[in-house]
Amino acid sequence: MRDAVIVEAVRTPVGKGRPGGALADVHPVDLLAHSLRELIERTGVDPALIDDVIGGVVSQVGEQGGNITRRATLAAGFPDSVPATSIDRQCGSSQQAVHFAAQGVISGAYDIAIAAGVESMSRVPMGASVAGAADIDGVALAERYPEGLIDQGYSAELIAARWGITREQMDGFAISSHDKADAATRAGAFDAELAPLAGLTHDEGIRTGSTLEKLATLQPAFYNERMAERFPQIGWNVTAASASQISDGSAAIMVMTSDMAAKLGLTPLARVHSFAVAGADPLYMLTAVMPATEKVLARAGLSISDIDNFEVSEAFAPVVLAWAKETGADLSRVNVRGGAIALGHPLGASGARLMTTLVHTLKDTGGRYGLQTMCEGGGMANATILERL
């Protein structure tokens, strides 16, 4: 029976996604090409053997439009014969790329595939792909949701209200994310996964020295009078500190069968054990991580207590805290090297970034199973279980 193993996973440091950010002058094609090139250099695999490159990118417009993954593959020096495609499952785009790569390898459609992701939010702002559209929903969707769908910030507030998550808990979680990321950086825990670029050798958004008292002075990030009338249960406690950072970055992961790895003399880091996708109420769109986690655990024949390390996307602090309440997961095993609140969230790259960190964390700590899940716009989530080899 064919399997799918990860033989290498690399990423750029994550830069602040704004003018003046460390990676803001790097064209997104070059940003992705850097991780692809580094992946080939580290594995020594002849790029002509790659059957496909699958790249996640959310804002597929402007510099990130026109199938950026193909352009980045060529920019990385791959032969013309290597195809590539770009996919969008919102924040989970490059985690979905890993699923597609693994499915292709297991099915026999591929022998070797690369899953990757990129987002330059400093150059292609979030929402740019729908900017100028008078109506992105059409008639039937508007009839199904006559009061209208909502942005993710409001969804995060609804989650905090439903699961009883306080401002202090959110702020404390945010501080912890930065503290863990800072400790991991200082200890060199990220060194093996990082491919420095444009003089950036570490994740740019990590902050130290925050306190609950300092964060308590921040204003709500999403307060809206009309939404306050529609959702009176919202406490308006999510701030910029308890939300993920706008960022630039890329990541790339090589997937192949274990037989191919042996043939090429490569040692697999992990097996893609199980994967799942799930949907949820689009008003509470960030809660799909809960059914996705349940689904992938059932598919794997594992329980939450079997998982040694979790990577759960820190789109907003209440997402992770509500997920932990619902699943019973041990928060001490979650995002042990920090998450998107500290490291940043380059949308299309984040799925591969989290998986790169998870692979290396399992390797360093000796854990057997790792579970990654990401909330996604529109009320979806990916979940993946890796097994260290």
Protein backbone atom coordinates (compact mmCIF):
# COMPACT_ATOMS: atom_id res chain seq x y z
CA MET A 1 0.00 0.00 0.00
CA ARG A 2 1.35 3.41 -0.94
CA ASP A 3 1.91 6.05 1.73
CA ALA A 4 2.85 9.72 1.82
CA VAL A 5 5.82 10.97 3.81
CA ILE A 6 7.36 14.38 4.34
CA VAL A 7 11.10 14.41 3.71
CA GLU A 8 11.73 18.13 4.19
CA ALA A 9 9.84 21.27 5.20
CA VAL A 10 11.20 24.81 5.06
CA ARG A 11 9.90 28.33 5.40
CA THR A 12 11.03 31.91 5.27
CA PRO A 13 11.02 33.98 8.42
CA VAL A 14 7.69 35.81 8.59
CA GLY A 15 7.90 39.54 7.97
CA LYS A 16 5.51 42.29 8.97
CA GLY A 17 2.99 42.74 6.17
CA ARG A 18 3.25 46.47 5.75
CA PRO A 19 5.43 49.03 3.98
CA GLY A 20 8.79 48.94 5.69
CA GLY A 21 8.41 45.30 6.69
CA ALA A 22 11.54 43.23 6.22
CA LEU A 23 10.10 41.32 3.23
CA ALA A 24 7.95 44.10 1.76
CA ASP A 25 10.40 44.73 -1.08
CA VAL A 26 10.44 41.05 -2.10
CA HIS A 27 8.10 40.27 -5.00
CA PRO A 28 5.74 37.41 -4.02
CA VAL A 29 7.01 35.30 -6.92
CA ASP A 30 10.52 35.58 -5.50
CA LEU A 31 9.19 35.04 -1.98
CA LEU A 32 7.75 31.65 -2.94
CA ALA A 33 10.64 30.77 -5.24
CA HIS A 34 13.01 31.15 -2.29
CA SER A 35 11.32 28.38 -0.28
CA LEU A 36 11.03 26.13 -3.35
CA ARG A 37 14.71 26.58 -4.18
CA GLU A 38 15.73 25.95 -0.57
CA LEU A 39 13.67 22.74 -0.50
CA ILE A 40 15.56 21.38 -3.50
CA GLU A 41 18.92 22.41 -2.10
CA ARG A 42 18.25 20.70 1.23
CA THR A 43 16.96 17.43 -0.24
CA GLY A 44 19.22 17.20 -3.25
CA VAL A 45 16.27 15.94 -5.29
CA ASP A 46 16.49 16.58 -9.02
CA PRO A 47 13.62 19.06 -9.62
CA ALA A 48 12.86 17.28 -12.90
CA LEU A 49 11.46 14.44 -10.76
CA ILE A 50 8.78 16.64 -9.22
CA ASP A 51 5.36 15.64 -10.57
CA ASP A 52 3.54 18.76 -9.40
CA VAL A 53 3.88 21.87 -7.26
CA ILE A 54 0.69 22.87 -5.44
CA GLY A 55 0.74 26.33 -3.91
CA GLY A 56 -1.73 27.97 -1.57
CA VAL A 57 -2.38 31.70 -2.03
CA VAL A 58 -5.47 33.61 -0.95
CA SER A 59 -5.38 36.98 -2.72
CA GLN A 60 -4.90 35.73 -6.29
CA VAL A 61 -4.77 39.13 -7.94
CA GLY A 62 -2.06 41.49 -9.14
CA GLU A 63 1.41 40.17 -8.36
CA GLN A 64 -0.17 37.05 -6.83
CA GLY A 65 -2.54 36.38 -9.74
CA GLY A 66 -2.11 34.37 -12.92
CA ASN A 67 -1.11 31.12 -11.17
CA ILE A 68 1.76 32.52 -9.12
CA THR A 69 2.90 29.01 -8.19
CA ARG A 70 3.85 28.24 -11.79
CA ARG A 71 5.78 31.49 -12.09
CA ALA A 72 7.54 30.85 -8.78
CA THR A 73 8.42 27.31 -9.85
CA LEU A 74 10.09 28.67 -12.97
CA ALA A 75 11.73 31.46 -10.97
CA ALA A 76 13.19 28.82 -8.64
CA GLY A 77 14.94 27.24 -11.62
CA PHE A 78 12.79 24.14 -11.98
CA PRO A 79 12.66 22.63 -15.49
CA ASP A 80 9.89 23.79 -17.81
CA SER A 81 8.42 20.28 -17.55
CA VAL A 82 7.40 20.70 -13.90
CA PRO A 83 3.76 21.85 -13.65
CA ALA A 84 2.27 23.91 -10.86
CA THR A 85 -1.11 25.13 -9.69
CA SER A 86 -2.45 27.68 -7.19
CA ILE A 87 -5.33 26.93 -4.84
CA ASP A 88 -7.45 28.90 -2.39
CA ARG A 89 -9.10 27.45 0.70
CA GLN A 90 -8.68 30.75 2.48
CA CYS A 91 -6.35 30.58 5.50
CA GLY A 92 -5.93 26.82 5.10
CA SER A 93 -4.83 27.02 1.46
CA SER A 94 -1.37 25.54 1.86
CA GLN A 95 -2.54 22.94 4.37
CA GLN A 96 -4.99 21.90 1.66
CA ALA A 97 -2.02 21.84 -0.71
CA VAL A 98 -0.41 19.24 1.57
CA HIS A 99 -3.63 17.20 1.49
CA PHE A 100 -3.75 17.32 -2.30
CA ALA A 101 -0.07 16.38 -2.54
CA ALA A 102 -0.49 13.47 -0.13
CA GLN A 103 -3.65 12.28 -1.86
CA GLY A 104 -1.85 12.37 -5.21
CA VAL A 105 1.10 10.40 -3.86
CA ILE A 106 -1.05 7.81 -2.10
CA SER A 107 -3.26 7.32 -5.16
CA GLY A 108 -0.31 6.84 -7.49
CA ALA A 109 -0.97 10.02 -9.47
CA TYR A 110 2.31 11.44 -8.14
CA ASP A 111 5.57 9.96 -6.93
CA ILE A 112 6.91 13.28 -5.65
CA ALA A 113 4.97 16.49 -5.07
CA ILE A 114 5.64 19.79 -3.39
CA ALA A 115 3.02 21.56 -1.29
CA ALA A 116 3.74 25.21 -0.73
CA GLY A 117 2.19 28.55 0.07
CA VAL A 118 2.84 32.26 -0.13
CA GLU A 119 1.28 35.58 0.78
CA SER A 120 2.74 39.06 0.56
CA MET A 121 0.17 41.08 2.44
CA SER A 122 2.34 44.18 2.28
CA ARG A 123 2.15 44.14 -1.52
CA VAL A 124 -1.24 42.50 -2.13
CA PRO A 125 -3.53 43.59 0.72
CA MET A 126 -6.06 41.24 2.25
CA GLY A 127 -9.32 41.51 0.36
CA ALA A 128 -7.66 42.76 -2.83
CA SER A 129 -9.06 39.87 -4.84
CA VAL A 130 -12.64 41.05 -4.28
CA ALA A 131 -11.98 44.78 -4.15
CA GLY A 132 -14.36 46.75 -6.35
CA ALA A 133 -16.96 43.98 -6.60
CA ALA A 134 -20.38 45.41 -5.84
CA ASP A 135 -21.77 41.99 -4.89
CA ILE A 136 -19.77 38.82 -4.30
CA ASP A 137 -22.69 36.73 -3.00
CA GLY A 138 -25.35 36.73 -5.69
CA VAL A 139 -29.09 36.23 -5.22
CA ALA A 140 -29.45 32.72 -3.80
CA LEU A 141 -26.82 33.14 -1.06
CA ALA A 142 -28.35 36.45 0.00
CA GLU A 143 -31.74 34.75 0.25
CA ARG A 144 -30.29 32.02 2.44
CA TYR A 145 -28.67 34.57 4.78
CA PRO A 146 -31.01 37.58 4.55
CA GLU A 147 -29.29 39.43 7.41
CA GLY A 148 -25.97 39.02 5.64
CA LEU A 149 -22.80 37.11 6.35
CA ILE A 150 -20.16 38.73 8.54
CA ASP A 151 -16.43 39.32 8.71
CA GLN A 152 -14.14 37.08 10.74
CA GLY A 153 -13.59 39.62 13.52
CA TYR A 154 -17.29 39.51 14.38
CA SER A 155 -17.18 35.74 14.25
CA ALA A 156 -14.32 35.76 16.76
CA GLU A 157 -16.40 37.96 19.06
CA LEU A 158 -19.40 35.61 18.74
CA ILE A 159 -17.18 32.66 19.65
CA ALA A 160 -15.85 34.47 22.72
CA ALA A 161 -19.41 35.18 23.83
CA ARG A 162 -20.72 31.64 23.25
CA TRP A 163 -17.82 29.91 25.01
CA GLY A 164 -17.53 32.46 27.82
CA ILE A 165 -13.98 33.55 27.01
CA THR A 166 -12.98 36.71 28.83
CA ARG A 167 -10.81 39.63 27.73
CA GLU A 168 -8.21 38.66 30.33
CA GLN A 169 -8.06 35.09 29.01
CA MET A 170 -7.57 36.34 25.44
CA ASP A 171 -4.87 38.78 26.46
CA GLY A 172 -3.12 36.16 28.55
CA PHE A 173 -3.14 33.76 25.61
CA ALA A 174 -1.68 36.46 23.36
CA ILE A 175 1.15 37.18 25.80
CA SER A 176 1.86 33.45 26.04
CA SER A 177 2.10 33.16 22.24
CA HIS A 178 4.75 35.88 22.10
CA ASP A 179 6.63 34.45 25.08
CA LYS A 180 6.75 30.97 23.56
CA ALA A 181 7.83 32.30 20.17
CA ASP A 182 10.54 34.44 21.76
CA ALA A 183 11.84 31.53 23.83
CA ALA A 184 11.88 29.25 20.77
CA THR A 185 13.73 31.87 18.74
CA ARG A 186 16.35 32.47 21.41
CA ALA A 187 16.83 28.71 21.85
CA GLY A 188 17.36 28.21 18.12
CA ALA A 189 14.31 25.97 17.85
CA PHE A 190 13.31 27.49 14.50
CA ASP A 191 16.77 27.39 12.96
CA ALA A 192 16.32 24.06 11.15
CA GLU A 193 13.12 25.18 9.41
CA LEU A 194 14.11 28.73 8.47
CA ALA A 195 15.51 29.88 5.14
CA PRO A 196 16.62 33.49 5.83
CA LEU A 197 15.75 36.02 3.15
CA ALA A 198 16.49 39.70 2.50
CA GLY A 199 18.50 39.94 5.70
CA LEU A 200 15.65 38.60 7.84
CA THR A 201 16.82 35.70 9.99
CA HIS A 202 13.93 35.45 12.47
CA ASP A 203 10.20 36.13 12.61
CA GLU A 204 9.75 39.87 12.70
CA GLY A 205 6.51 40.21 14.65
CA ILE A 206 7.52 38.68 17.98
CA ARG A 207 7.19 41.13 20.88
CA THR A 208 8.38 40.85 24.45
CA GLY A 209 7.51 42.67 27.64
CA SER A 210 3.72 42.83 27.26
CA THR A 211 1.58 42.64 30.39
CA LEU A 212 -2.11 42.21 31.05
CA GLU A 213 -2.18 45.78 32.28
CA LYS A 214 -0.72 47.10 29.00
CA LEU A 215 -3.03 45.04 26.83
CA ALA A 216 -6.06 46.10 28.85
CA THR A 217 -5.61 49.64 27.50
CA LEU A 218 -6.15 48.56 23.88
CA GLN A 219 -9.45 49.39 22.21
CA PRO A 220 -11.68 46.71 20.64
CA ALA A 221 -10.56 46.00 17.10
CA PHE A 222 -13.94 45.29 15.54
CA TYR A 223 -16.60 47.32 17.36
CA ASN A 224 -19.41 48.28 15.00
CA GLU A 225 -22.64 49.91 16.11
CA ARG A 226 -24.81 48.04 13.62
CA MET A 227 -23.26 44.70 14.58
CA ALA A 228 -23.66 45.55 18.26
CA GLU A 229 -27.40 45.90 17.65
CA ARG A 230 -27.56 42.66 15.66
CA PHE A 231 -25.48 40.66 18.17
CA PRO A 232 -26.12 42.10 21.65
CA GLN A 233 -24.32 39.16 23.26
CA ILE A 234 -20.94 40.36 21.96
CA GLY A 235 -18.65 41.86 24.60
CA TRP A 236 -16.23 43.47 22.13
CA ASN A 237 -13.09 42.11 23.74
CA VAL A 238 -10.96 41.12 20.74
CA THR A 239 -8.13 43.59 20.14
CA ALA A 240 -5.18 43.84 17.79
CA ALA A 241 -3.15 42.00 20.43
CA SER A 242 -5.40 38.93 20.47
CA ALA A 243 -5.63 38.70 16.68
CA SER A 244 -3.13 37.30 14.18
CA GLN A 245 -0.69 39.63 12.49
CA ILE A 246 -0.78 40.74 8.85
CA SER A 247 2.36 39.23 7.38
CA ASP A 248 4.58 38.23 4.46
CA GLY A 249 6.10 34.78 4.04
CA SER A 250 6.31 31.47 2.21
CA ALA A 251 6.85 27.81 3.00
CA ALA A 252 7.36 24.56 1.08
CA ILE A 253 7.06 20.85 1.93
CA MET A 254 8.21 17.85 -0.11
CA VAL A 255 5.93 14.80 -0.12
CA MET A 256 6.69 11.37 -1.62
CA THR A 257 6.22 7.67 -0.94
CA SER A 258 8.48 6.03 1.61
CA ASP A 259 9.72 3.73 -1.17
CA MET A 260 10.76 6.76 -3.22
CA ALA A 261 12.46 8.26 -0.17
CA ALA A 262 14.47 5.07 0.30
CA LYS A 263 15.35 5.01 -3.40
CA LEU A 264 16.64 8.60 -3.18
CA GLY A 265 18.46 8.00 0.11
CA LEU A 266 16.24 10.39 2.08
CA THR A 267 15.05 9.90 5.65
CA PRO A 268 11.37 10.78 6.10
CA LEU A 269 10.55 13.21 8.90
CA ALA A 270 6.90 12.23 9.22
CA ARG A 271 4.08 10.32 7.59
CA VAL A 272 0.89 12.07 6.59
CA HIS A 273 -1.24 9.78 8.74
CA SER A 274 -4.77 11.15 8.26
CA PHE A 275 -6.50 14.23 6.93
CA ALA A 276 -9.97 15.73 6.86
CA VAL A 277 -11.89 18.86 5.97
CA ALA A 278 -15.09 20.12 7.58
CA GLY A 279 -17.58 22.94 7.38
CA ALA A 280 -19.54 24.86 10.01
CA ASP A 281 -21.99 27.73 10.40
CA PRO A 282 -20.52 30.60 8.35
CA LEU A 283 -21.58 33.10 11.03
CA TYR A 284 -19.46 31.17 13.53
CA MET A 285 -17.07 30.44 10.69
CA LEU A 286 -13.97 29.92 12.80
CA THR A 287 -15.47 27.00 14.73
CA ALA A 288 -15.03 24.44 11.94
CA VAL A 289 -11.74 23.45 13.61
CA MET A 290 -13.87 21.57 16.15
CA PRO A 291 -15.67 19.15 13.79
CA ALA A 292 -12.51 18.90 11.67
CA THR A 293 -10.54 17.76 14.72
CA GLU A 294 -13.21 15.23 15.66
CA LYS A 295 -13.36 13.95 12.09
CA VAL A 296 -9.62 13.48 11.63
CA LEU A 297 -9.20 11.77 15.01
CA ALA A 298 -12.01 9.34 14.18
CA ARG A 299 -10.47 8.66 10.78
CA ALA A 300 -7.08 8.01 12.41
CA GLY A 301 -8.50 5.83 15.20
CA LEU A 302 -6.90 8.11 17.79
CA SER A 303 -8.09 10.18 20.74
CA ILE A 304 -7.18 13.73 21.67
CA SER A 305 -4.90 12.40 24.42
CA ASP A 306 -2.82 10.50 21.85
CA ILE A 307 -1.60 13.74 20.27
CA ASP A 308 1.79 14.96 21.44
CA ASN A 309 1.80 18.35 19.72
CA PHE A 310 -0.93 20.52 18.26
CA GLU A 311 -0.66 23.40 15.82
CA VAL A 312 -3.94 25.33 15.86
CA SER A 313 -4.09 28.50 13.82
CA GLU A 314 -4.20 31.56 16.05
CA ALA A 315 -6.41 33.61 13.78
CA PHE A 316 -7.84 35.02 17.00
CA ALA A 317 -7.21 33.96 20.60
CA PRO A 318 -10.84 32.90 21.26
CA VAL A 319 -10.68 30.40 18.39
CA VAL A 320 -7.95 28.35 20.05
CA LEU A 321 -9.39 28.75 23.54
CA ALA A 322 -12.87 27.66 22.44
CA TRP A 323 -11.39 24.75 20.46
CA ALA A 324 -9.50 23.58 23.56
CA LYS A 325 -12.64 23.81 25.70
CA GLU A 326 -14.65 21.84 23.17
CA THR A 327 -12.07 19.13 22.44
CA GLY A 328 -10.47 18.80 25.88
CA ALA A 329 -7.02 19.29 24.40
CA ASP A 330 -4.17 20.08 26.78
CA LEU A 331 -3.20 23.70 26.05
CA SER A 332 0.36 23.00 27.19
CA ARG A 333 0.75 20.91 24.01
CA VAL A 334 -0.72 23.57 21.72
CA ASN A 335 1.47 25.90 19.65
CA VAL A 336 4.42 25.22 21.91
CA ARG A 337 6.65 27.53 19.84
CA GLY A 338 4.05 30.28 19.54
CA GLY A 339 1.41 30.88 16.92
CA ALA A 340 0.11 33.43 14.44
CA ILE A 341 -0.50 36.05 17.13
CA ALA A 342 3.28 36.23 17.57
CA LEU A 343 4.75 34.68 14.43
CA GLY A 344 2.31 36.21 11.96
CA HIS A 345 -0.28 34.94 9.49
CA PRO A 346 0.72 35.23 5.80
CA LEU A 347 -2.61 33.82 4.66
CA GLY A 348 -1.72 31.46 1.82
CA ALA A 349 1.54 30.37 3.47
CA SER A 350 0.24 29.73 6.97
CA GLY A 351 -0.88 26.13 6.50
CA ALA A 352 2.55 25.10 5.26
CA ARG A 353 4.21 27.28 7.90
CA LEU A 354 2.33 25.55 10.70
CA MET A 355 3.10 22.13 9.26
CA THR A 356 6.76 22.97 8.86
CA THR A 357 6.90 23.97 12.51
CA LEU A 358 4.94 20.87 13.55
CA VAL A 359 7.24 18.51 11.65
CA HIS A 360 10.33 20.01 13.26
CA THR A 361 8.75 20.15 16.72
CA LEU A 362 7.93 16.43 16.58
CA LYS A 363 11.46 15.70 15.44
CA ASP A 364 13.04 17.76 18.21
CA THR A 365 10.79 16.56 21.04
CA GLY A 366 10.41 12.93 20.04
CA GLY A 367 6.62 13.09 19.95
CA ARG A 368 4.84 10.52 17.83
CA TYR A 369 1.66 12.26 16.69
CA GLY A 370 1.00 15.86 15.73
CA LEU A 371 -2.33 17.39 14.81
CA GLN A 372 -2.76 20.61 12.83
CA THR A 373 -6.02 22.42 12.22
CA MET A 374 -6.85 25.80 10.72
CA CYS A 375 -10.02 27.86 10.68
CA GLU A 376 -10.91 29.29 7.29
CA GLY A 377 -13.11 31.99 5.84
CA GLY A 378 -16.62 30.88 4.96
CA GLY A 379 -16.84 28.39 7.83
CA MET A 380 -14.37 25.63 6.90
CA ALA A 381 -11.33 23.94 8.40
CA ASN A 382 -8.59 21.50 7.49
CA ALA A 383 -7.18 18.98 9.94
CA THR A 384 -4.10 16.81 9.48
CA ILE A 385 -2.43 14.22 11.68
CA LEU A 386 1.26 13.57 11.19
CA GLU A 387 3.17 10.60 12.59
CA ARG A 388 6.88 11.08 13.26
CA LEU A 389 9.06 8.41 11.66
